[in-house]
Amino acid sequence: MHLRALSIGTVVCGLLAAPAFAADKVAEILQAAEQACASFENGQFAHDDAIVAVDLTGNGETDTLVDESQFSCSSAASMYCGSGGCMLHAVVGDESWRFQAEGWRMIEWHDRPILLIARDGGWCGGAGAQLCYESVTWSNGDMLTVMPPPQ
């Protein structure tokens, strides 16, 4: 299970689900995290089980989730996560989206993959300690959710 209790730390800023474009998004995400770690007291970065191969779109092709809750930096205990969760990056082809997540799970509904994201209650009208869940799917190259689009 990917739901974890998180320590209070640096608040991670980010958009609800902003698409970004790059040739190799996973490498770009890892490089940015490694640079952030090294820049703080020359820390050593590790990403252990952070890279997860999944089929987000249901087309039979491998997509990738990068779970920053699995990142660690030897010089900073809370560099990648805050009290509202950690960034979860969904990479499909040359596009990526990021979500502030307390945890996640892949589920299927009538053979359709759904990314279920545990969110801080502030995302859904509650208090931070109250978890709520966002479901995300992809259709015809578009990321779909009931949350409002990023500003």
Protein backbone atom coordinates (compact mmCIF):
# COMPACT_ATOMS: atom_id res chain seq x y z
CA MET A 1 0.00 0.00 0.00
CA HIS A 2 1.30 3.46 -0.80
CA LEU A 3 -0.49 5.36 1.97
CA ARG A 4 2.06 6.56 4.47
CA ALA A 5 2.16 8.74 7.55
CA LEU A 6 4.28 11.76 6.70
CA SER A 7 6.36 13.97 8.93
CA ILE A 8 5.68 17.68 9.01
CA GLY A 9 8.30 19.34 6.84
CA THR A 10 8.86 21.75 4.05
CA VAL A 11 5.64 22.56 2.26
CA VAL A 12 5.88 21.26 -1.28
CA CYS A 13 4.53 23.74 -3.78
CA GLY A 14 2.96 22.66 -7.04
CA LEU A 15 0.03 22.81 -9.34
CA LEU A 16 -2.97 20.55 -9.05
CA ALA A 17 -2.10 18.70 -12.23
CA ALA A 18 0.01 20.77 -14.57
CA PRO A 19 1.24 19.15 -17.77
CA ALA A 20 4.89 19.65 -18.65
CA PHE A 21 6.87 18.64 -21.73
CA ALA A 22 10.40 17.16 -22.01
CA ALA A 23 12.25 14.42 -23.87
CA ASP A 24 12.79 12.32 -20.76
CA LYS A 25 10.60 13.57 -17.92
CA VAL A 26 11.60 10.86 -15.46
CA ALA A 27 15.30 11.72 -15.78
CA GLU A 28 14.44 15.42 -15.48
CA ILE A 29 12.45 14.84 -12.27
CA LEU A 30 15.23 12.75 -10.73
CA GLN A 31 17.93 15.23 -11.75
CA ALA A 32 16.05 18.16 -10.18
CA ALA A 33 15.59 16.20 -6.94
CA GLU A 34 19.24 15.17 -6.87
CA GLN A 35 20.38 18.77 -7.47
CA ALA A 36 18.12 20.05 -4.68
CA CYS A 37 19.60 17.49 -2.29
CA ALA A 38 23.21 18.22 -3.27
CA SER A 39 22.63 21.95 -2.88
CA PHE A 40 21.71 21.49 0.79
CA GLU A 41 24.88 20.63 2.70
CA ASN A 42 26.12 18.40 -0.14
CA GLY A 43 23.47 15.76 0.56
CA GLN A 44 23.39 12.35 -1.09
CA PHE A 45 20.19 11.57 -3.02
CA ALA A 46 18.46 8.18 -3.30
CA HIS A 47 15.22 7.27 -5.03
CA ASP A 48 14.91 3.57 -4.09
CA ASP A 49 11.36 2.45 -5.09
CA ALA A 50 10.22 5.85 -6.43
CA ILE A 51 9.92 4.78 -10.10
CA VAL A 52 6.86 2.61 -10.79
CA ALA A 53 5.95 1.23 -14.22
CA VAL A 54 2.17 1.29 -14.78
CA ASP A 55 -0.30 1.54 -17.65
CA LEU A 56 -2.15 4.78 -16.88
CA THR A 57 -3.91 5.11 -20.23
CA GLY A 58 -5.14 1.55 -20.74
CA ASN A 59 -3.43 1.30 -24.13
CA GLY A 60 -1.11 -1.54 -23.05
CA GLU A 61 1.98 0.70 -23.09
CA THR A 62 4.13 1.33 -20.04
CA ASP A 63 3.77 4.72 -18.36
CA THR A 64 5.58 5.84 -15.23
CA LEU A 65 4.74 7.16 -11.78
CA VAL A 66 7.51 8.93 -9.85
CA ASP A 67 6.64 8.94 -6.14
CA GLU A 68 8.63 11.55 -4.23
CA SER A 69 7.64 9.91 -0.93
CA GLN A 70 10.33 7.37 -1.85
CA PHE A 71 13.04 10.05 -2.31
CA SER A 72 15.60 10.60 0.42
CA CYS A 73 18.36 13.11 1.00
CA SER A 74 21.08 12.43 3.57
CA SER A 75 21.19 16.07 4.69
CA ALA A 76 17.44 16.86 4.90
CA ALA A 77 14.75 14.64 6.40
CA SER A 78 11.81 16.47 4.83
CA MET A 79 13.14 17.87 1.56
CA TYR A 80 10.56 16.23 -0.70
CA CYS A 81 7.44 16.02 1.46
CA GLY A 82 5.48 18.33 3.68
CA SER A 83 2.49 18.10 5.97
CA GLY A 84 0.22 18.02 2.90
CA GLY A 85 2.00 15.10 1.27
CA CYS A 86 4.59 14.52 -1.43
CA MET A 87 4.63 15.13 -5.16
CA LEU A 88 3.48 12.26 -7.34
CA HIS A 89 4.42 12.63 -11.01
CA ALA A 90 2.46 10.78 -13.71
CA VAL A 91 4.49 10.48 -16.93
CA VAL A 92 2.73 9.49 -20.15
CA GLY A 93 4.87 9.75 -23.27
CA ASP A 94 6.47 13.21 -23.32
CA GLU A 95 3.90 14.74 -20.94
CA SER A 96 3.79 14.71 -17.17
CA TRP A 97 1.40 15.83 -14.46
CA ARG A 98 2.11 16.28 -10.78
CA PHE A 99 -0.15 15.86 -7.81
CA GLN A 100 0.33 16.62 -4.14
CA ALA A 101 -0.41 13.22 -2.63
CA GLU A 102 -0.64 11.57 0.77
CA GLY A 103 -0.52 8.24 -1.06
CA TRP A 104 -1.82 6.54 -4.20
CA ARG A 105 -3.08 3.29 -5.65
CA MET A 106 -3.93 1.98 -9.11
CA ILE A 107 -7.39 0.43 -9.43
CA GLU A 108 -9.42 -0.87 -12.37
CA TRP A 109 -13.05 -0.34 -13.21
CA HIS A 110 -14.36 -2.37 -16.15
CA ASP A 111 -10.78 -2.88 -17.37
CA ARG A 112 -10.08 0.89 -17.26
CA PRO A 113 -7.08 1.95 -15.16
CA ILE A 114 -7.73 4.64 -12.55
CA LEU A 115 -5.08 6.43 -10.52
CA LEU A 116 -6.58 6.97 -7.07
CA ILE A 117 -4.76 9.70 -5.11
CA ALA A 118 -5.13 10.29 -1.37
CA ARG A 119 -5.26 14.08 -0.93
CA ASP A 120 -4.92 16.40 2.03
CA GLY A 121 -8.42 17.43 3.15
CA GLY A 122 -7.76 21.03 2.15
CA TRP A 123 -8.11 19.97 -1.50
CA CYS A 124 -11.73 18.93 -0.92
CA GLY A 125 -13.14 21.38 1.59
CA GLY A 126 -11.99 19.63 4.75
CA ALA A 127 -9.17 20.07 7.23
CA GLY A 128 -5.65 19.00 6.33
CA ALA A 129 -5.76 15.86 8.48
CA GLN A 130 -8.95 14.62 6.76
CA LEU A 131 -8.05 12.56 3.72
CA CYS A 132 -10.12 12.64 0.57
CA TYR A 133 -9.52 10.91 -2.75
CA GLU A 134 -9.16 12.09 -6.33
CA SER A 135 -9.53 9.70 -9.23
CA VAL A 136 -7.61 10.37 -12.42
CA THR A 137 -7.95 8.72 -15.83
CA TRP A 138 -6.53 9.32 -19.29
CA SER A 139 -8.57 9.33 -22.49
CA ASN A 140 -7.39 10.22 -26.00
CA GLY A 141 -4.19 11.69 -24.55
CA ASP A 142 -6.02 13.90 -22.04
CA MET A 143 -5.75 13.63 -18.26
CA LEU A 144 -9.28 13.68 -16.80
CA THR A 145 -10.46 14.36 -13.25
CA VAL A 146 -13.37 16.11 -11.57
CA MET A 147 -11.01 18.60 -9.91
CA PRO A 148 -10.93 22.08 -11.48
CA PRO A 149 -8.26 22.61 -14.14
CA PRO A 150 -5.02 24.28 -13.07
CA GLN A 151 -5.01 28.09 -13.27
